Amino acid sequence: MSLTEKQTLLNRVDAALDDVRPHLAVDGGNVEVVDVTEDNVVKIKWLGACEGCSMTSMTMRAGIEQAIIGKIPEITGVVAINGIAV
């Protein structure tokens, strides 16, 4: 994937997360897109209250993954680089 293609994909992922961000902000949290790997796995970073929240695994499955993969089907998965280990 070229640098331009990667940046376009990162922008699309970030835009997809805009649907979820207001729900995270209610509890003082947010999420940041860190990278998209060569095999189309999105790496995110939990911010604010989300970083230490025990609900991040549910939020990941029910919110983050659905928001991203629902709009960008070429994404194969989403992983968090921080937060509570599952």
C-alpha atoms as a PDB file:
ATOM      1  CA  MET A   1       0.000   0.000   0.000  1.00  0.00           C
ATOM      2  CA  SER A   2       1.383   3.376  -0.950  1.00  0.00           C
ATOM      3  CA  LEU A   3       1.738   6.222   1.521  1.00  0.00           C
ATOM      4  CA  THR A   4      -1.158   8.052  -0.139  1.00  0.00           C
ATOM      5  CA  GLU A   5      -3.388   4.960   0.020  1.00  0.00           C
ATOM      6  CA  LYS A   6      -2.485   4.467   3.678  1.00  0.00           C
ATOM      7  CA  GLN A   7      -3.262   8.093   4.542  1.00  0.00           C
ATOM      8  CA  THR A   8      -6.599   7.846   2.722  1.00  0.00           C
ATOM      9  CA  LEU A   9      -7.442   4.678   4.651  1.00  0.00           C
ATOM     10  CA  LEU A  10      -6.419   6.308   7.960  1.00  0.00           C
ATOM     11  CA  ASN A  11      -8.672   9.270   7.162  1.00  0.00           C
ATOM     12  CA  ARG A  12     -11.588   6.956   6.352  1.00  0.00           C
ATOM     13  CA  VAL A  13     -11.115   5.062   9.621  1.00  0.00           C
ATOM     14  CA  ASP A  14     -10.928   8.288  11.592  1.00  0.00           C
ATOM     15  CA  ALA A  15     -14.133   9.522   9.943  1.00  0.00           C
ATOM     16  CA  ALA A  16     -15.892   6.212  10.716  1.00  0.00           C
ATOM     17  CA  LEU A  17     -15.012   6.668  14.388  1.00  0.00           C
ATOM     18  CA  ASP A  18     -16.788  10.022  14.449  1.00  0.00           C
ATOM     19  CA  ASP A  19     -20.042   8.053  14.906  1.00  0.00           C
ATOM     20  CA  VAL A  20     -18.698   6.511  18.127  1.00  0.00           C
ATOM     21  CA  ARG A  21     -16.796   9.447  19.605  1.00  0.00           C
ATOM     22  CA  PRO A  22     -19.832  11.312  21.028  1.00  0.00           C
ATOM     23  CA  HIS A  23     -20.758   8.200  23.039  1.00  0.00           C
ATOM     24  CA  LEU A  24     -17.227   7.914  24.391  1.00  0.00           C
ATOM     25  CA  ALA A  25     -17.107  11.628  25.219  1.00  0.00           C
ATOM     26  CA  VAL A  26     -20.176  11.313  27.464  1.00  0.00           C
ATOM     27  CA  ASP A  27     -18.018   9.261  29.836  1.00  0.00           C
ATOM     28  CA  GLY A  28     -14.902  11.413  29.378  1.00  0.00           C
ATOM     29  CA  GLY A  29     -13.191   9.211  26.821  1.00  0.00           C
ATOM     30  CA  ASN A  30     -12.082   9.154  23.220  1.00  0.00           C
ATOM     31  CA  VAL A  31     -10.197   7.013  20.739  1.00  0.00           C
ATOM     32  CA  GLU A  32      -7.296   7.810  18.421  1.00  0.00           C
ATOM     33  CA  VAL A  33      -6.307   5.996  15.232  1.00  0.00           C
ATOM     34  CA  VAL A  34      -2.626   5.106  15.485  1.00  0.00           C
ATOM     35  CA  ASP A  35      -1.960   2.990  12.395  1.00  0.00           C
ATOM     36  CA  VAL A  36      -3.322   0.621   9.776  1.00  0.00           C
ATOM     37  CA  THR A  37      -1.041  -2.364   9.195  1.00  0.00           C
ATOM     38  CA  GLU A  38      -0.201  -3.915   5.829  1.00  0.00           C
ATOM     39  CA  ASP A  39      -2.819  -6.622   6.515  1.00  0.00           C
ATOM     40  CA  ASN A  40      -5.477  -3.923   7.164  1.00  0.00           C
ATOM     41  CA  VAL A  41      -5.648  -4.181  10.951  1.00  0.00           C
ATOM     42  CA  VAL A  42      -6.448  -0.856  12.609  1.00  0.00           C
ATOM     43  CA  LYS A  43      -4.474   0.056  15.717  1.00  0.00           C
ATOM     44  CA  ILE A  44      -6.262   2.412  18.094  1.00  0.00           C
ATOM     45  CA  LYS A  45      -5.348   4.109  21.338  1.00  0.00           C
ATOM     46  CA  TRP A  46      -7.902   4.645  24.093  1.00  0.00           C
ATOM     47  CA  LEU A  47      -7.851   8.179  25.481  1.00  0.00           C
ATOM     48  CA  GLY A  48      -9.196   9.785  28.655  1.00  0.00           C
ATOM     49  CA  ALA A  49     -11.514   7.679  30.797  1.00  0.00           C
ATOM     50  CA  CYS A  50     -11.520   4.909  28.174  1.00  0.00           C
ATOM     51  CA  GLU A  51      -7.883   4.123  28.898  1.00  0.00           C
ATOM     52  CA  GLY A  52      -8.640   2.552  32.270  1.00  0.00           C
ATOM     53  CA  CYS A  53     -12.230   1.457  31.687  1.00  0.00           C
ATOM     54  CA  SER A  54     -13.236  -2.173  32.185  1.00  0.00           C
ATOM     55  CA  MET A  55     -15.838  -1.837  29.405  1.00  0.00           C
ATOM     56  CA  THR A  56     -13.344  -1.258  26.594  1.00  0.00           C
ATOM     57  CA  SER A  57     -13.548  -4.843  25.307  1.00  0.00           C
ATOM     58  CA  MET A  58     -17.328  -4.517  24.891  1.00  0.00           C
ATOM     59  CA  THR A  59     -16.958  -1.035  23.406  1.00  0.00           C
ATOM     60  CA  MET A  60     -14.376  -2.423  20.996  1.00  0.00           C
ATOM     61  CA  ARG A  61     -16.672  -5.189  19.717  1.00  0.00           C
ATOM     62  CA  ALA A  62     -20.031  -3.405  19.816  1.00  0.00           C
ATOM     63  CA  GLY A  63     -18.909   0.086  18.846  1.00  0.00           C
ATOM     64  CA  ILE A  64     -15.446   0.531  17.412  1.00  0.00           C
ATOM     65  CA  GLU A  65     -15.244  -2.604  15.224  1.00  0.00           C
ATOM     66  CA  GLN A  66     -18.792  -2.219  13.910  1.00  0.00           C
ATOM     67  CA  ALA A  67     -18.281   1.465  13.111  1.00  0.00           C
ATOM     68  CA  ILE A  68     -15.048   0.806  11.214  1.00  0.00           C
ATOM     69  CA  ILE A  69     -15.710  -2.527   9.495  1.00  0.00           C
ATOM     70  CA  GLY A  70     -19.300  -1.539   8.698  1.00  0.00           C
ATOM     71  CA  LYS A  71     -18.033   1.400   6.641  1.00  0.00           C
ATOM     72  CA  ILE A  72     -14.674   0.023   5.511  1.00  0.00           C
ATOM     73  CA  PRO A  73     -15.076  -3.710   4.793  1.00  0.00           C
ATOM     74  CA  GLU A  74     -11.447  -4.135   3.721  1.00  0.00           C
ATOM     75  CA  ILE A  75     -10.408  -3.694   7.379  1.00  0.00           C
ATOM     76  CA  THR A  76      -9.692  -7.142   8.825  1.00  0.00           C
ATOM     77  CA  GLY A  77      -9.582  -6.260  12.522  1.00  0.00           C
ATOM     78  CA  VAL A  78      -9.102  -3.644  15.208  1.00  0.00           C
ATOM     79  CA  VAL A  79      -6.697  -3.809  18.145  1.00  0.00           C
ATOM     80  CA  ALA A  80      -6.004  -1.423  21.005  1.00  0.00           C
ATOM     81  CA  ILE A  81      -2.385  -0.621  21.841  1.00  0.00           C
ATOM     82  CA  ASN A  82      -3.254   0.439  25.391  1.00  0.00           C
ATOM     83  CA  GLY A  83      -5.928   0.073  28.029  1.00  0.00           C
ATOM     84  CA  ILE A  84      -6.926  -2.818  30.238  1.00  0.00           C
ATOM     85  CA  ALA A  85      -5.586  -6.190  29.097  1.00  0.00           C
ATOM     86  CA  VAL A  86      -8.314  -8.687  28.306  1.00  0.00           C
END
